[in-house]
Amino acid sequence: MRDNRGFTLIELLIVIVILSILAAMAIPKISNTRDKSHFATMESDLKNLASQQEIYYADERSYTAEKSDLAFMSSRDVTISINVDPGGWSATATHVALGPSEGCSIYHGSIPALSFLVTPSGPDEVVCTR
């Protein structure tokens, strides 16, 4: 008589193959979620910067490129670049975990779109390269 307790090698290999296929499908979705969170962080930082610029403008009647004047701190691993001219201001945000050509942009006023990663279609709109 044969002892039929346990699994055969073929059954175990089939289970491993199925689990591998499921893992291969899940990994890209997880990494895409991480990128979405980086873009959401950059968008949030640019909206906070816009609020701080308006508060500064209400007090000083001008905009500033100095983050310290705005009492603004960006999120961890996010770099914000601010450009100011008499007509308004613009800013771009990049994240360390993303490529240098990926990021978000915003402008206010009539500032020309010089250093944008992606050009917003209107003032005070945050747009990203994703």
C-alpha atoms as a PDB file:
ATOM      1  CA  MET A   1       0.000   0.000   0.000  1.00  0.00           C
ATOM      2  CA  ARG A   2       1.046   3.555  -0.772  1.00  0.00           C
ATOM      3  CA  ASP A   3       1.016   6.316   1.797  1.00  0.00           C
ATOM      4  CA  ASN A   4      -0.976   9.186   0.231  1.00  0.00           C
ATOM      5  CA  ARG A   5      -0.256  11.817   2.849  1.00  0.00           C
ATOM      6  CA  GLY A   6       1.405  15.023   1.622  1.00  0.00           C
ATOM      7  CA  PHE A   7       1.884  16.723  -1.722  1.00  0.00           C
ATOM      8  CA  THR A   8       3.764  15.543  -4.774  1.00  0.00           C
ATOM      9  CA  LEU A   9       6.658  17.497  -6.210  1.00  0.00           C
ATOM     10  CA  ILE A  10       4.569  18.482  -9.239  1.00  0.00           C
ATOM     11  CA  GLU A  11       1.812  19.913  -7.049  1.00  0.00           C
ATOM     12  CA  LEU A  12       4.320  21.993  -5.081  1.00  0.00           C
ATOM     13  CA  LEU A  13       5.955  23.294  -8.281  1.00  0.00           C
ATOM     14  CA  ILE A  14       2.566  24.315  -9.702  1.00  0.00           C
ATOM     15  CA  VAL A  15       1.776  26.278  -6.533  1.00  0.00           C
ATOM     16  CA  ILE A  16       5.186  28.018  -6.682  1.00  0.00           C
ATOM     17  CA  VAL A  17       4.650  28.955 -10.349  1.00  0.00           C
ATOM     18  CA  ILE A  18       1.196  30.388  -9.604  1.00  0.00           C
ATOM     19  CA  LEU A  19       2.534  32.424  -6.676  1.00  0.00           C
ATOM     20  CA  SER A  20       5.391  33.715  -8.849  1.00  0.00           C
ATOM     21  CA  ILE A  21       2.963  34.878 -11.527  1.00  0.00           C
ATOM     22  CA  LEU A  22       0.829  36.680  -8.939  1.00  0.00           C
ATOM     23  CA  ALA A  23       3.906  38.359  -7.449  1.00  0.00           C
ATOM     24  CA  ALA A  24       5.075  39.461 -10.908  1.00  0.00           C
ATOM     25  CA  MET A  25       1.714  41.151 -11.478  1.00  0.00           C
ATOM     26  CA  ALA A  26       1.661  42.852  -8.064  1.00  0.00           C
ATOM     27  CA  ILE A  27       5.167  44.373  -8.049  1.00  0.00           C
ATOM     28  CA  PRO A  28       4.592  46.944 -10.860  1.00  0.00           C
ATOM     29  CA  LYS A  29       1.361  48.090  -9.227  1.00  0.00           C
ATOM     30  CA  ILE A  30       3.159  48.653  -5.943  1.00  0.00           C
ATOM     31  CA  SER A  31       5.950  50.686  -7.579  1.00  0.00           C
ATOM     32  CA  ASN A  32       3.371  52.762  -9.494  1.00  0.00           C
ATOM     33  CA  THR A  33       1.679  53.570  -6.175  1.00  0.00           C
ATOM     34  CA  ARG A  34       4.999  54.801  -4.799  1.00  0.00           C
ATOM     35  CA  ASP A  35       5.464  57.145  -7.776  1.00  0.00           C
ATOM     36  CA  LYS A  36       1.928  58.474  -7.319  1.00  0.00           C
ATOM     37  CA  SER A  37       2.716  59.314  -3.711  1.00  0.00           C
ATOM     38  CA  HIS A  38       5.859  61.211  -4.780  1.00  0.00           C
ATOM     39  CA  PHE A  39       3.826  63.282  -7.251  1.00  0.00           C
ATOM     40  CA  ALA A  40       1.130  63.927  -4.640  1.00  0.00           C
ATOM     41  CA  THR A  41       3.810  65.174  -2.231  1.00  0.00           C
ATOM     42  CA  MET A  42       5.218  67.558  -4.837  1.00  0.00           C
ATOM     43  CA  GLU A  43       1.730  68.874  -5.714  1.00  0.00           C
ATOM     44  CA  SER A  44       0.981  69.482  -2.061  1.00  0.00           C
ATOM     45  CA  ASP A  45       4.275  71.312  -1.535  1.00  0.00           C
ATOM     46  CA  LEU A  46       3.607  73.600  -4.522  1.00  0.00           C
ATOM     47  CA  LYS A  47       0.099  74.420  -3.266  1.00  0.00           C
ATOM     48  CA  ASN A  48       1.534  75.232   0.174  1.00  0.00           C
ATOM     49  CA  LEU A  49       4.173  77.407  -1.489  1.00  0.00           C
ATOM     50  CA  ALA A  50       1.438  79.290  -3.383  1.00  0.00           C
ATOM     51  CA  SER A  51      -0.372  79.984  -0.115  1.00  0.00           C
ATOM     52  CA  GLN A  52       2.825  81.210   1.531  1.00  0.00           C
ATOM     53  CA  GLN A  53       3.606  83.459  -1.465  1.00  0.00           C
ATOM     54  CA  GLU A  54       0.170  85.083  -1.189  1.00  0.00           C
ATOM     55  CA  ILE A  55       0.599  85.659   2.543  1.00  0.00           C
ATOM     56  CA  TYR A  56       4.019  87.202   1.862  1.00  0.00           C
ATOM     57  CA  TYR A  57       2.572  89.355  -0.935  1.00  0.00           C
ATOM     58  CA  ALA A  58      -0.171  90.658   1.370  1.00  0.00           C
ATOM     59  CA  ASP A  59       2.495  91.863   3.822  1.00  0.00           C
ATOM     60  CA  GLU A  60       5.298  93.002   1.483  1.00  0.00           C
ATOM     61  CA  ARG A  61       3.503  93.827  -1.816  1.00  0.00           C
ATOM     62  CA  SER A  62       6.042  91.677  -3.679  1.00  0.00           C
ATOM     63  CA  TYR A  63       6.903  88.017  -4.157  1.00  0.00           C
ATOM     64  CA  THR A  64      10.120  86.382  -3.008  1.00  0.00           C
ATOM     65  CA  ALA A  65      12.332  83.544  -4.200  1.00  0.00           C
ATOM     66  CA  GLU A  66      13.664  82.944  -0.685  1.00  0.00           C
ATOM     67  CA  LYS A  67      11.977  80.027   1.051  1.00  0.00           C
ATOM     68  CA  SER A  68      13.190  81.337   4.403  1.00  0.00           C
ATOM     69  CA  ASP A  69      11.231  84.586   3.859  1.00  0.00           C
ATOM     70  CA  LEU A  70       8.130  82.493   3.306  1.00  0.00           C
ATOM     71  CA  ALA A  71       8.662  80.268   6.351  1.00  0.00           C
ATOM     72  CA  PHE A  72       8.278  77.399   3.888  1.00  0.00           C
ATOM     73  CA  MET A  73       9.851  73.974   4.162  1.00  0.00           C
ATOM     74  CA  SER A  74       9.374  71.380   1.469  1.00  0.00           C
ATOM     75  CA  SER A  75       8.758  67.723   2.211  1.00  0.00           C
ATOM     76  CA  ARG A  76      11.614  65.276   2.624  1.00  0.00           C
ATOM     77  CA  ASP A  77      13.406  64.494  -0.662  1.00  0.00           C
ATOM     78  CA  VAL A  78      11.501  67.246  -2.546  1.00  0.00           C
ATOM     79  CA  THR A  79      13.452  70.125  -4.087  1.00  0.00           C
ATOM     80  CA  ILE A  80      11.592  73.346  -4.890  1.00  0.00           C
ATOM     81  CA  SER A  81      13.004  75.963  -7.287  1.00  0.00           C
ATOM     82  CA  ILE A  82      11.375  79.406  -7.245  1.00  0.00           C
ATOM     83  CA  ASN A  83      11.714  82.125  -9.901  1.00  0.00           C
ATOM     84  CA  VAL A  84      10.372  85.634  -9.292  1.00  0.00           C
ATOM     85  CA  ASP A  85       9.948  88.651 -11.549  1.00  0.00           C
ATOM     86  CA  PRO A  86       7.846  91.820 -11.188  1.00  0.00           C
ATOM     87  CA  GLY A  87       4.876  90.136 -12.866  1.00  0.00           C
ATOM     88  CA  GLY A  88       4.661  87.098 -10.607  1.00  0.00           C
ATOM     89  CA  TRP A  89       6.470  83.903  -9.688  1.00  0.00           C
ATOM     90  CA  SER A  90       6.913  80.319 -10.832  1.00  0.00           C
ATOM     91  CA  ALA A  91       8.117  77.180  -9.121  1.00  0.00           C
ATOM     92  CA  THR A  92       9.083  73.637  -9.986  1.00  0.00           C
ATOM     93  CA  ALA A  93       9.293  70.633  -7.705  1.00  0.00           C
ATOM     94  CA  THR A  94      11.386  67.503  -8.195  1.00  0.00           C
ATOM     95  CA  HIS A  95      11.723  64.392  -6.073  1.00  0.00           C
ATOM     96  CA  VAL A  96      14.946  62.491  -5.379  1.00  0.00           C
ATOM     97  CA  ALA A  97      13.312  59.134  -6.177  1.00  0.00           C
ATOM     98  CA  LEU A  98      12.173  60.291  -9.632  1.00  0.00           C
ATOM     99  CA  GLY A  99      14.192  61.237 -12.695  1.00  0.00           C
ATOM    100  CA  PRO A 100      15.472  64.814 -13.166  1.00  0.00           C
ATOM    101  CA  SER A 101      12.984  65.437 -15.986  1.00  0.00           C
ATOM    102  CA  GLU A 102      10.009  64.400 -13.835  1.00  0.00           C
ATOM    103  CA  GLY A 103       8.262  66.779 -11.500  1.00  0.00           C
ATOM    104  CA  CYS A 104       5.555  69.410 -11.071  1.00  0.00           C
ATOM    105  CA  SER A 105       5.233  73.105 -11.925  1.00  0.00           C
ATOM    106  CA  ILE A 106       3.082  76.099 -10.980  1.00  0.00           C
ATOM    107  CA  TYR A 107       3.077  79.818 -11.725  1.00  0.00           C
ATOM    108  CA  HIS A 108       1.200  82.910 -10.636  1.00  0.00           C
ATOM    109  CA  GLY A 109       0.849  86.156 -12.519  1.00  0.00           C
ATOM    110  CA  SER A 110       2.292  86.844 -15.940  1.00  0.00           C
ATOM    111  CA  ILE A 111       5.656  85.174 -15.517  1.00  0.00           C
ATOM    112  CA  PRO A 112       6.936  83.532 -18.724  1.00  0.00           C
ATOM    113  CA  ALA A 113       7.180  79.752 -18.747  1.00  0.00           C
ATOM    114  CA  LEU A 114      10.955  79.500 -18.820  1.00  0.00           C
ATOM    115  CA  SER A 115      12.053  76.773 -16.483  1.00  0.00           C
ATOM    116  CA  PHE A 116       9.019  74.518 -16.264  1.00  0.00           C
ATOM    117  CA  LEU A 117       9.298  70.752 -16.438  1.00  0.00           C
ATOM    118  CA  VAL A 118       5.751  70.835 -17.803  1.00  0.00           C
ATOM    119  CA  THR A 119       3.900  74.074 -18.540  1.00  0.00           C
ATOM    120  CA  PRO A 120       0.649  74.726 -16.656  1.00  0.00           C
ATOM    121  CA  SER A 121      -2.276  75.768 -18.861  1.00  0.00           C
ATOM    122  CA  GLY A 122      -3.142  78.631 -16.514  1.00  0.00           C
ATOM    123  CA  PRO A 123      -1.972  80.490 -13.438  1.00  0.00           C
ATOM    124  CA  ASP A 124      -2.151  78.783 -10.037  1.00  0.00           C
ATOM    125  CA  GLU A 125      -2.580  75.353 -11.634  1.00  0.00           C
ATOM    126  CA  VAL A 126      -0.237  72.599 -10.513  1.00  0.00           C
ATOM    127  CA  VAL A 127       0.669  70.201 -13.326  1.00  0.00           C
ATOM    128  CA  CYS A 128       3.022  67.228 -13.275  1.00  0.00           C
ATOM    129  CA  THR A 129       4.874  65.204 -15.873  1.00  0.00           C
ATOM    130  CA  ARG A 130       3.065  61.950 -15.030  1.00  0.00           C
END
